[in-house]
């Protein structure tokens, strides 16, 4: 597991574009302000926000993280992007196992 500082640092340095787990979507234009990560879905140009404090809590709590876990905790539409971010920063593998 990574520290909270490393977690936040990695999120602040996301690449320009990251793919979803399935590769059917991509996310871009990442801006981290306070605890909110704002970004855009490439295909639809829709803007989304993700509370990284909640994402950090999920990472700490669950050894297995998939869209169902994220949805049960967040109850929002950021399930797929949350998994994409966790994969992009090396906190979960492609099977959802926490690293």
PDB file of N, CA and C in Angstrom:
ATOM      1  N   UNK A   1       0.835  -1.197   0.000  1.00  0.00           N
ATOM      2  CA  UNK A   1       0.000   0.000   0.000  1.00  0.00           C
ATOM      3  C   UNK A   1       0.872   1.250   0.000  1.00  0.00           C
ATOM      4  N   UNK A   2       0.344   2.298  -0.573  1.00  0.00           N
ATOM      5  CA  UNK A   2       1.056   3.571  -0.604  1.00  0.00           C
ATOM      6  C   UNK A   2       0.559   4.469   0.523  1.00  0.00           C
ATOM      7  N   UNK A   3       1.345   5.470   0.849  1.00  0.00           N
ATOM      8  CA  UNK A   3       0.931   6.452   1.852  1.00  0.00           C
ATOM      9  C   UNK A   3      -0.065   7.424   1.229  1.00  0.00           C
ATOM     10  N   UNK A   4      -0.751   8.158   2.071  1.00  0.00           N
ATOM     11  CA  UNK A   4      -1.714   9.139   1.561  1.00  0.00           C
ATOM     12  C   UNK A   4      -1.002  10.212   0.733  1.00  0.00           C
ATOM     13  N   UNK A   5       0.178  10.627   1.174  1.00  0.00           N
ATOM     14  CA  UNK A   5       0.935  11.632   0.420  1.00  0.00           C
ATOM     15  C   UNK A   5       1.302  11.101  -0.960  1.00  0.00           C
ATOM     16  N   UNK A   6       1.784   9.874  -1.024  1.00  0.00           N
ATOM     17  CA  UNK A   6       2.129   9.276  -2.312  1.00  0.00           C
ATOM     18  C   UNK A   6       0.893   9.159  -3.189  1.00  0.00           C
ATOM     19  N   UNK A   7      -0.215   8.728  -2.611  1.00  0.00           N
ATOM     20  CA  UNK A   7      -1.489   8.606  -3.309  1.00  0.00           C
ATOM     21  C   UNK A   7      -1.874   9.949  -3.949  1.00  0.00           C
ATOM     22  N   UNK A   8      -1.849  10.999  -3.143  1.00  0.00           N
ATOM     23  CA  UNK A   8      -2.215  12.334  -3.625  1.00  0.00           C
ATOM     24  C   UNK A   8      -1.212  12.840  -4.660  1.00  0.00           C
ATOM     25  N   UNK A   9       0.066  12.623  -4.410  1.00  0.00           N
ATOM     26  CA  UNK A   9       1.101  13.049  -5.365  1.00  0.00           C
ATOM     27  C   UNK A   9       0.915  12.376  -6.716  1.00  0.00           C
ATOM     28  N   UNK A  10       0.629  11.080  -6.691  1.00  0.00           N
ATOM     29  CA  UNK A  10       0.429  10.353  -7.953  1.00  0.00           C
ATOM     30  C   UNK A  10      -0.800  10.869  -8.699  1.00  0.00           C
ATOM     31  N   UNK A  11      -1.857  11.174  -7.971  1.00  0.00           N
ATOM     32  CA  UNK A  11      -3.057  11.721  -8.611  1.00  0.00           C
ATOM     33  C   UNK A  11      -2.752  13.087  -9.221  1.00  0.00           C
ATOM     34  N   UNK A  12      -1.965  13.890  -8.538  1.00  0.00           N
ATOM     35  CA  UNK A  12      -1.639  15.221  -9.069  1.00  0.00           C
ATOM     36  C   UNK A  12      -0.751  15.142 -10.309  1.00  0.00           C
ATOM     37  N   UNK A  13      -0.147  13.985 -10.553  1.00  0.00           N
ATOM     38  CA  UNK A  13       0.741  13.812 -11.710  1.00  0.00           C
ATOM     39  C   UNK A  13       0.191  12.808 -12.728  1.00  0.00           C
ATOM     40  N   UNK A  14      -1.125  12.675 -12.785  1.00  0.00           N
ATOM     41  CA  UNK A  14      -1.715  11.766 -13.775  1.00  0.00           C
ATOM     42  C   UNK A  14      -1.290  12.174 -15.183  1.00  0.00           C
ATOM     43  N   UNK A  15      -1.134  11.176 -16.071  1.00  0.00           N
ATOM     44  CA  UNK A  15      -0.801  11.527 -17.457  1.00  0.00           C
ATOM     45  C   UNK A  15      -1.949  12.316 -18.101  1.00  0.00           C
ATOM     46  N   UNK A  16      -1.685  12.855 -19.272  1.00  0.00           N
ATOM     47  CA  UNK A  16      -2.678  13.689 -19.964  1.00  0.00           C
ATOM     48  C   UNK A  16      -3.994  12.962 -20.175  1.00  0.00           C
ATOM     49  N   UNK A  17      -3.914  11.672 -20.487  1.00  0.00           N
ATOM     50  CA  UNK A  17      -5.117  10.867 -20.733  1.00  0.00           C
ATOM     51  C   UNK A  17      -4.903   9.484 -20.139  1.00  0.00           C
ATOM     52  N   UNK A  18      -5.959   8.954 -19.516  1.00  0.00           N
ATOM     53  CA  UNK A  18      -5.910   7.578 -19.011  1.00  0.00           C
ATOM     54  C   UNK A  18      -7.107   6.801 -19.550  1.00  0.00           C
ATOM     55  N   UNK A  19      -6.930   5.510 -19.815  1.00  0.00           N
ATOM     56  CA  UNK A  19      -8.047   4.699 -20.300  1.00  0.00           C
ATOM     57  C   UNK A  19      -8.862   4.131 -19.145  1.00  0.00           C
ATOM     58  N   UNK A  20     -10.102   3.773 -19.437  1.00  0.00           N
ATOM     59  CA  UNK A  20     -10.902   3.033 -18.470  1.00  0.00           C
ATOM     60  C   UNK A  20     -10.345   1.614 -18.395  1.00  0.00           C
ATOM     61  N   UNK A  21     -10.793   0.859 -17.433  1.00  0.00           N
ATOM     62  CA  UNK A  21     -10.319  -0.516 -17.277  1.00  0.00           C
ATOM     63  C   UNK A  21     -10.562  -1.333 -18.542  1.00  0.00           C
ATOM     64  N   UNK A  22     -11.718  -1.160 -19.150  1.00  0.00           N
ATOM     65  CA  UNK A  22     -12.078  -1.943 -20.337  1.00  0.00           C
ATOM     66  C   UNK A  22     -11.522  -1.344 -21.619  1.00  0.00           C
ATOM     67  N   UNK A  23     -11.056  -0.097 -21.541  1.00  0.00           N
ATOM     68  CA  UNK A  23     -10.526   0.567 -22.723  1.00  0.00           C
ATOM     69  C   UNK A  23     -11.596   1.187 -23.609  1.00  0.00           C
ATOM     70  N   UNK A  24     -12.839   1.148 -23.171  1.00  0.00           N
ATOM     71  CA  UNK A  24     -13.928   1.715 -23.977  1.00  0.00           C
ATOM     72  C   UNK A  24     -14.114   3.219 -23.759  1.00  0.00           C
ATOM     73  N   UNK A  25     -13.462   3.758 -22.747  1.00  0.00           N
ATOM     74  CA  UNK A  25     -13.544   5.189 -22.457  1.00  0.00           C
ATOM     75  C   UNK A  25     -12.157   5.687 -22.080  1.00  0.00           C
ATOM     76  N   UNK A  26     -11.994   6.989 -22.141  1.00  0.00           N
ATOM     77  CA  UNK A  26     -10.751   7.628 -21.706  1.00  0.00           C
ATOM     78  C   UNK A  26     -11.110   8.903 -20.969  1.00  0.00           C
ATOM     79  N   UNK A  27     -10.210   9.311 -20.089  1.00  0.00           N
ATOM     80  CA  UNK A  27     -10.417  10.510 -19.281  1.00  0.00           C
ATOM     81  C   UNK A  27      -9.205  11.424 -19.417  1.00  0.00           C
ATOM     82  N   UNK A  28      -9.449  12.733 -19.410  1.00  0.00           N
ATOM     83  CA  UNK A  28      -8.386  13.701 -19.654  1.00  0.00           C
ATOM     84  C   UNK A  28      -8.650  14.998 -18.896  1.00  0.00           C
ATOM     85  N   UNK A  29      -7.763  15.977 -19.072  1.00  0.00           N
ATOM     86  CA  UNK A  29      -7.898  17.318 -18.477  1.00  0.00           C
ATOM     87  C   UNK A  29      -8.023  17.269 -16.954  1.00  0.00           C
ATOM     88  N   UNK A  30      -7.112  16.569 -16.311  1.00  0.00           N
ATOM     89  CA  UNK A  30      -7.148  16.405 -14.858  1.00  0.00           C
ATOM     90  C   UNK A  30      -6.685  17.674 -14.152  1.00  0.00           C
ATOM     91  N   UNK A  31      -7.492  18.097 -13.183  1.00  0.00           N
ATOM     92  CA  UNK A  31      -7.145  19.236 -12.335  1.00  0.00           C
ATOM     93  C   UNK A  31      -7.488  18.842 -10.898  1.00  0.00           C
ATOM     94  N   UNK A  32      -6.493  18.883 -10.032  1.00  0.00           N
ATOM     95  CA  UNK A  32      -6.707  18.567  -8.625  1.00  0.00           C
ATOM     96  C   UNK A  32      -6.702  19.864  -7.827  1.00  0.00           C
ATOM     97  N   UNK A  33      -7.847  20.180  -7.233  1.00  0.00           N
ATOM     98  CA  UNK A  33      -7.986  21.362  -6.381  1.00  0.00           C
ATOM     99  C   UNK A  33      -8.555  20.909  -5.049  1.00  0.00           C
ATOM    100  N   UNK A  34      -7.781  21.162  -3.996  1.00  0.00           N
ATOM    101  CA  UNK A  34      -8.119  20.672  -2.662  1.00  0.00           C
ATOM    102  C   UNK A  34      -8.261  19.157  -2.740  1.00  0.00           C
ATOM    103  N   UNK A  35      -9.418  18.614  -2.483  1.00  0.00           N
ATOM    104  CA  UNK A  35      -9.615  17.157  -2.539  1.00  0.00           C
ATOM    105  C   UNK A  35     -10.448  16.724  -3.739  1.00  0.00           C
ATOM    106  N   UNK A  36     -10.696  17.622  -4.652  1.00  0.00           N
ATOM    107  CA  UNK A  36     -11.549  17.313  -5.802  1.00  0.00           C
ATOM    108  C   UNK A  36     -10.712  17.198  -7.069  1.00  0.00           C
ATOM    109  N   UNK A  37     -10.807  16.046  -7.704  1.00  0.00           N
ATOM    110  CA  UNK A  37     -10.167  15.817  -8.993  1.00  0.00           C
ATOM    111  C   UNK A  37     -11.227  16.038 -10.064  1.00  0.00           C
ATOM    112  N   UNK A  38     -11.020  17.071 -10.868  1.00  0.00           N
ATOM    113  CA  UNK A  38     -11.918  17.352 -11.989  1.00  0.00           C
ATOM    114  C   UNK A  38     -11.285  16.796 -13.248  1.00  0.00           C
ATOM    115  N   UNK A  39     -12.113  16.282 -14.142  1.00  0.00           N
ATOM    116  CA  UNK A  39     -11.609  15.707 -15.385  1.00  0.00           C
ATOM    117  C   UNK A  39     -12.732  15.629 -16.395  1.00  0.00           C
ATOM    118  N   UNK A  40     -12.393  15.210 -17.588  1.00  0.00           N
ATOM    119  CA  UNK A  40     -13.362  15.143 -18.676  1.00  0.00           C
ATOM    120  C   UNK A  40     -13.292  13.765 -19.338  1.00  0.00           C
ATOM    121  N   UNK A  41     -14.445  13.248 -19.694  1.00  0.00           N
ATOM    122  CA  UNK A  41     -14.483  12.017 -20.485  1.00  0.00           C
ATOM    123  C   UNK A  41     -14.246  12.423 -21.940  1.00  0.00           C
ATOM    124  N   UNK A  42     -13.275  11.784 -22.582  1.00  0.00           N
ATOM    125  CA  UNK A  42     -12.835  12.200 -23.908  1.00  0.00           C
ATOM    126  C   UNK A  42     -13.960  12.166 -24.924  1.00  0.00           C
ATOM    127  N   UNK A  43     -14.650  11.056 -25.036  1.00  0.00           N
ATOM    128  CA  UNK A  43     -15.656  10.885 -26.099  1.00  0.00           C
ATOM    129  C   UNK A  43     -16.840  11.834 -25.971  1.00  0.00           C
ATOM    130  N   UNK A  44     -17.364  11.971 -24.771  1.00  0.00           N
ATOM    131  CA  UNK A  44     -18.581  12.768 -24.573  1.00  0.00           C
ATOM    132  C   UNK A  44     -18.311  14.225 -24.206  1.00  0.00           C
ATOM    133  N   UNK A  45     -17.070  14.525 -23.826  1.00  0.00           N
ATOM    134  CA  UNK A  45     -16.676  15.871 -23.375  1.00  0.00           C
ATOM    135  C   UNK A  45     -17.395  16.293 -22.091  1.00  0.00           C
ATOM    136  N   UNK A  46     -17.982  15.333 -21.374  1.00  0.00           N
ATOM    137  CA  UNK A  46     -18.645  15.644 -20.107  1.00  0.00           C
ATOM    138  C   UNK A  46     -17.594  15.811 -19.021  1.00  0.00           C
ATOM    139  N   UNK A  47     -17.820  16.801 -18.161  1.00  0.00           N
ATOM    140  CA  UNK A  47     -16.925  17.063 -17.040  1.00  0.00           C
ATOM    141  C   UNK A  47     -17.418  16.326 -15.799  1.00  0.00           C
ATOM    142  N   UNK A  48     -16.476  15.784 -15.056  1.00  0.00           N
ATOM    143  CA  UNK A  48     -16.794  15.016 -13.857  1.00  0.00           C
ATOM    144  C   UNK A  48     -15.913  15.494 -12.707  1.00  0.00           C
ATOM    145  N   UNK A  49     -16.365  15.223 -11.491  1.00  0.00           N
ATOM    146  CA  UNK A  49     -15.595  15.519 -10.281  1.00  0.00           C
ATOM    147  C   UNK A  49     -15.530  14.266  -9.421  1.00  0.00           C
ATOM    148  N   UNK A  50     -14.383  14.073  -8.795  1.00  0.00           N
ATOM    149  CA  UNK A  50     -14.153  12.908  -7.948  1.00  0.00           C
ATOM    150  C   UNK A  50     -13.501  13.367  -6.651  1.00  0.00           C
ATOM    151  N   UNK A  51     -14.110  13.025  -5.528  1.00  0.00           N
ATOM    152  CA  UNK A  51     -13.555  13.357  -4.216  1.00  0.00           C
ATOM    153  C   UNK A  51     -12.464  12.342  -3.895  1.00  0.00           C
ATOM    154  N   UNK A  52     -11.211  12.781  -3.887  1.00  0.00           N
ATOM    155  CA  UNK A  52     -10.124  11.820  -3.670  1.00  0.00           C
ATOM    156  C   UNK A  52     -10.020  11.372  -2.216  1.00  0.00           C
ATOM    157  N   UNK A  53     -10.633  12.103  -1.293  1.00  0.00           N
ATOM    158  CA  UNK A  53     -10.675  11.634   0.102  1.00  0.00           C
ATOM    159  C   UNK A  53     -11.501  10.359   0.190  1.00  0.00           C
ATOM    160  N   UNK A  54     -12.608  10.323  -0.529  1.00  0.00           N
ATOM    161  CA  UNK A  54     -13.447   9.128  -0.547  1.00  0.00           C
ATOM    162  C   UNK A  54     -12.718   7.999  -1.269  1.00  0.00           C
ATOM    163  N   UNK A  55     -12.034   8.326  -2.354  1.00  0.00           N
ATOM    164  CA  UNK A  55     -11.271   7.316  -3.082  1.00  0.00           C
ATOM    165  C   UNK A  55     -10.149   6.752  -2.209  1.00  0.00           C
ATOM    166  N   UNK A  56      -9.489   7.605  -1.449  1.00  0.00           N
ATOM    167  CA  UNK A  56      -8.452   7.167  -0.508  1.00  0.00           C
ATOM    168  C   UNK A  56      -9.045   6.214   0.532  1.00  0.00           C
ATOM    169  N   UNK A  57     -10.203   6.552   1.054  1.00  0.00           N
ATOM    170  CA  UNK A  57     -10.880   5.703   2.043  1.00  0.00           C
ATOM    171  C   UNK A  57     -11.208   4.325   1.463  1.00  0.00           C
ATOM    172  N   UNK A  58     -11.670   4.302   0.227  1.00  0.00           N
ATOM    173  CA  UNK A  58     -11.963   3.030  -0.443  1.00  0.00           C
ATOM    174  C   UNK A  58     -10.680   2.220  -0.575  1.00  0.00           C
ATOM    175  N   UNK A  59      -9.612   2.870  -1.011  1.00  0.00           N
ATOM    176  CA  UNK A  59      -8.319   2.201  -1.178  1.00  0.00           C
ATOM    177  C   UNK A  59      -7.846   1.596   0.138  1.00  0.00           C
ATOM    178  N   UNK A  60      -7.994   2.313   1.234  1.00  0.00           N
ATOM    179  CA  UNK A  60      -7.564   1.810   2.544  1.00  0.00           C
ATOM    180  C   UNK A  60      -8.423   0.650   3.041  1.00  0.00           C
ATOM    181  N   UNK A  61      -9.707   0.701   2.737  1.00  0.00           N
ATOM    182  CA  UNK A  61     -10.672  -0.228   3.323  1.00  0.00           C
ATOM    183  C   UNK A  61     -10.775  -1.564   2.595  1.00  0.00           C
ATOM    184  N   UNK A  62     -10.676  -1.546   1.282  1.00  0.00           N
ATOM    185  CA  UNK A  62     -10.963  -2.745   0.491  1.00  0.00           C
ATOM    186  C   UNK A  62      -9.714  -3.319  -0.174  1.00  0.00           C
ATOM    187  N   UNK A  63      -9.524  -4.619  -0.018  1.00  0.00           N
ATOM    188  CA  UNK A  63      -8.410  -5.309  -0.683  1.00  0.00           C
ATOM    189  C   UNK A  63      -8.749  -5.583  -2.145  1.00  0.00           C
ATOM    190  N   UNK A  64     -10.037  -5.622  -2.463  1.00  0.00           N
ATOM    191  CA  UNK A  64     -10.520  -5.801  -3.833  1.00  0.00           C
ATOM    192  C   UNK A  64     -11.427  -4.630  -4.156  1.00  0.00           C
ATOM    193  N   UNK A  65     -11.124  -3.934  -5.250  1.00  0.00           N
ATOM    194  CA  UNK A  65     -11.884  -2.735  -5.611  1.00  0.00           C
ATOM    195  C   UNK A  65     -12.319  -2.829  -7.065  1.00  0.00           C
ATOM    196  N   UNK A  66     -13.633  -2.800  -7.273  1.00  0.00           N
ATOM    197  CA  UNK A  66     -14.178  -2.749  -8.629  1.00  0.00           C
ATOM    198  C   UNK A  66     -15.279  -1.688  -8.658  1.00  0.00           C
ATOM    199  N   UNK A  67     -15.954  -1.562  -9.786  1.00  0.00           N
ATOM    200  CA  UNK A  67     -16.975  -0.523  -9.910  1.00  0.00           C
ATOM    201  C   UNK A  67     -18.129  -0.716  -8.927  1.00  0.00           C
ATOM    202  N   UNK A  68     -18.443  -1.944  -8.594  1.00  0.00           N
ATOM    203  CA  UNK A  68     -19.517  -2.212  -7.631  1.00  0.00           C
ATOM    204  C   UNK A  68     -19.140  -1.697  -6.248  1.00  0.00           C
ATOM    205  N   UNK A  69     -17.917  -1.946  -5.835  1.00  0.00           N
ATOM    206  CA  UNK A  69     -17.441  -1.447  -4.540  1.00  0.00           C
ATOM    207  C   UNK A  69     -17.511   0.072  -4.515  1.00  0.00           C
ATOM    208  N   UNK A  70     -17.012   0.711  -5.565  1.00  0.00           N
ATOM    209  CA  UNK A  70     -17.013   2.172  -5.632  1.00  0.00           C
ATOM    210  C   UNK A  70     -18.445   2.696  -5.598  1.00  0.00           C
ATOM    211  N   UNK A  71     -19.329   2.093  -6.361  1.00  0.00           N
ATOM    212  CA  UNK A  71     -20.723   2.546  -6.407  1.00  0.00           C
ATOM    213  C   UNK A  71     -21.387   2.413  -5.043  1.00  0.00           C
ATOM    214  N   UNK A  72     -21.115   1.310  -4.340  1.00  0.00           N
ATOM    215  CA  UNK A  72     -21.713   1.105  -3.019  1.00  0.00           C
ATOM    216  C   UNK A  72     -21.249   2.154  -2.016  1.00  0.00           C
ATOM    217  N   UNK A  73     -20.030   2.648  -2.174  1.00  0.00           N
ATOM    218  CA  UNK A  73     -19.506   3.659  -1.258  1.00  0.00           C
ATOM    219  C   UNK A  73     -19.888   5.066  -1.703  1.00  0.00           C
ATOM    220  N   UNK A  74     -19.667   5.369  -2.982  1.00  0.00           N
ATOM    221  CA  UNK A  74     -19.889   6.731  -3.475  1.00  0.00           C
ATOM    222  C   UNK A  74     -21.316   6.984  -3.920  1.00  0.00           C
ATOM    223  N   UNK A  75     -21.957   5.963  -4.463  1.00  0.00           N
ATOM    224  CA  UNK A  75     -23.320   6.118  -4.944  1.00  0.00           C
ATOM    225  C   UNK A  75     -23.454   7.096  -6.096  1.00  0.00           C
ATOM    226  N   UNK A  76     -22.367   7.313  -6.827  1.00  0.00           N
ATOM    227  CA  UNK A  76     -22.393   8.264  -7.945  1.00  0.00           C
ATOM    228  C   UNK A  76     -21.992   7.573  -9.222  1.00  0.00           C
ATOM    229  N   UNK A  77     -21.866   8.379 -10.271  1.00  0.00           N
ATOM    230  CA  UNK A  77     -21.531   7.860 -11.584  1.00  0.00           C
ATOM    231  C   UNK A  77     -20.031   7.807 -11.845  1.00  0.00           C
ATOM    232  N   UNK A  78     -19.203   8.034 -10.839  1.00  0.00           N
ATOM    233  CA  UNK A  78     -17.758   8.070 -11.034  1.00  0.00           C
ATOM    234  C   UNK A  78     -17.104   6.701 -10.819  1.00  0.00           C
ATOM    235  N   UNK A  79     -17.864   5.640 -10.973  1.00  0.00           N
ATOM    236  CA  UNK A  79     -17.350   4.299 -10.705  1.00  0.00           C
ATOM    237  C   UNK A  79     -16.212   3.915 -11.640  1.00  0.00           C
ATOM    238  N   UNK A  80     -16.446   3.995 -12.939  1.00  0.00           N
ATOM    239  CA  UNK A  80     -15.429   3.630 -13.917  1.00  0.00           C
ATOM    240  C   UNK A  80     -14.210   4.552 -13.851  1.00  0.00           C
ATOM    241  N   UNK A  81     -14.402   5.886 -13.779  1.00  0.00           N
ATOM    242  CA  UNK A  81     -13.229   6.749 -13.666  1.00  0.00           C
ATOM    243  C   UNK A  81     -12.426   6.496 -12.387  1.00  0.00           C
ATOM    244  N   UNK A  82     -13.101   6.154 -11.303  1.00  0.00           N
ATOM    245  CA  UNK A  82     -12.395   5.859 -10.052  1.00  0.00           C
ATOM    246  C   UNK A  82     -11.457   4.679 -10.227  1.00  0.00           C
ATOM    247  N   UNK A  83     -11.943   3.641 -10.873  1.00  0.00           N
ATOM    248  CA  UNK A  83     -11.112   2.462 -11.136  1.00  0.00           C
ATOM    249  C   UNK A  83      -9.969   2.838 -12.074  1.00  0.00           C
ATOM    250  N   UNK A  84     -10.252   3.636 -13.094  1.00  0.00           N
ATOM    251  CA  UNK A  84      -9.209   4.072 -14.034  1.00  0.00           C
ATOM    252  C   UNK A  84      -8.112   4.846 -13.314  1.00  0.00           C
ATOM    253  N   UNK A  85      -8.496   5.724 -12.404  1.00  0.00           N
ATOM    254  CA  UNK A  85      -7.511   6.508 -11.650  1.00  0.00           C
ATOM    255  C   UNK A  85      -6.680   5.586 -10.766  1.00  0.00           C
ATOM    256  N   UNK A  86      -7.330   4.689 -10.036  1.00  0.00           N
ATOM    257  CA  UNK A  86      -6.589   3.766  -9.160  1.00  0.00           C
ATOM    258  C   UNK A  86      -5.612   2.900  -9.950  1.00  0.00           C
ATOM    259  N   UNK A  87      -6.017   2.468 -11.130  1.00  0.00           N
ATOM    260  CA  UNK A  87      -5.120   1.682 -11.974  1.00  0.00           C
ATOM    261  C   UNK A  87      -3.973   2.551 -12.492  1.00  0.00           C
ATOM    262  N   UNK A  88      -4.275   3.768 -12.919  1.00  0.00           N
ATOM    263  CA  UNK A  88      -3.257   4.659 -13.492  1.00  0.00           C
ATOM    264  C   UNK A  88      -2.181   5.040 -12.479  1.00  0.00           C
ATOM    265  N   UNK A  89      -2.553   5.121 -11.207  1.00  0.00           N
ATOM    266  CA  UNK A  89      -1.564   5.494 -10.188  1.00  0.00           C
ATOM    267  C   UNK A  89      -0.944   4.268  -9.523  1.00  0.00           C
ATOM    268  N   UNK A  90      -1.284   3.085 -10.014  1.00  0.00           N
ATOM    269  CA  UNK A  90      -0.657   1.860  -9.521  1.00  0.00           C
ATOM    270  C   UNK A  90      -1.129   1.391  -8.167  1.00  0.00           C
ATOM    271  N   UNK A  91      -2.372   1.716  -7.811  1.00  0.00           N
ATOM    272  CA  UNK A  91      -2.907   1.300  -6.507  1.00  0.00           C
ATOM    273  C   UNK A  91      -3.745   0.023  -6.583  1.00  0.00           C
ATOM    274  N   UNK A  92      -4.220  -0.317  -7.774  1.00  0.00           N
ATOM    275  CA  UNK A  92      -4.887  -1.609  -7.994  1.00  0.00           C
ATOM    276  C   UNK A  92      -4.389  -2.175  -9.330  1.00  0.00           C
ATOM    277  N   UNK A  93      -4.471  -3.484  -9.424  1.00  0.00           N
ATOM    278  CA  UNK A  93      -4.119  -4.104 -10.704  1.00  0.00           C
ATOM    279  C   UNK A  93      -5.379  -4.278 -11.558  1.00  0.00           C
ATOM    280  N   UNK A  94      -5.221  -4.875 -12.725  1.00  0.00           N
ATOM    281  CA  UNK A  94      -6.334  -5.015 -13.659  1.00  0.00           C
ATOM    282  C   UNK A  94      -7.451  -5.913 -13.150  1.00  0.00           C
ATOM    283  N   UNK A  95      -7.169  -6.720 -12.133  1.00  0.00           N
ATOM    284  CA  UNK A  95      -8.202  -7.575 -11.549  1.00  0.00           C
ATOM    285  C   UNK A  95      -8.923  -6.912 -10.372  1.00  0.00           C
ATOM    286  N   UNK A  96      -8.446  -5.731  -9.960  1.00  0.00           N
ATOM    287  CA  UNK A  96      -9.070  -5.026  -8.841  1.00  0.00           C
ATOM    288  C   UNK A  96      -8.371  -5.265  -7.526  1.00  0.00           C
ATOM    289  N   UNK A  97      -7.270  -6.005  -7.529  1.00  0.00           N
ATOM    290  CA  UNK A  97      -6.526  -6.285  -6.294  1.00  0.00           C
ATOM    291  C   UNK A  97      -5.726  -5.050  -5.892  1.00  0.00           C
ATOM    292  N   UNK A  98      -5.883  -4.683  -4.630  1.00  0.00           N
ATOM    293  CA  UNK A  98      -5.132  -3.533  -4.093  1.00  0.00           C
ATOM    294  C   UNK A  98      -3.643  -3.868  -4.064  1.00  0.00           C
ATOM    295  N   UNK A  99      -2.846  -2.916  -4.494  1.00  0.00           N
ATOM    296  CA  UNK A  99      -1.379  -3.095  -4.506  1.00  0.00           C
ATOM    297  C   UNK A  99      -0.734  -2.296  -3.386  1.00  0.00           C
TER     298      UNK A  99
END
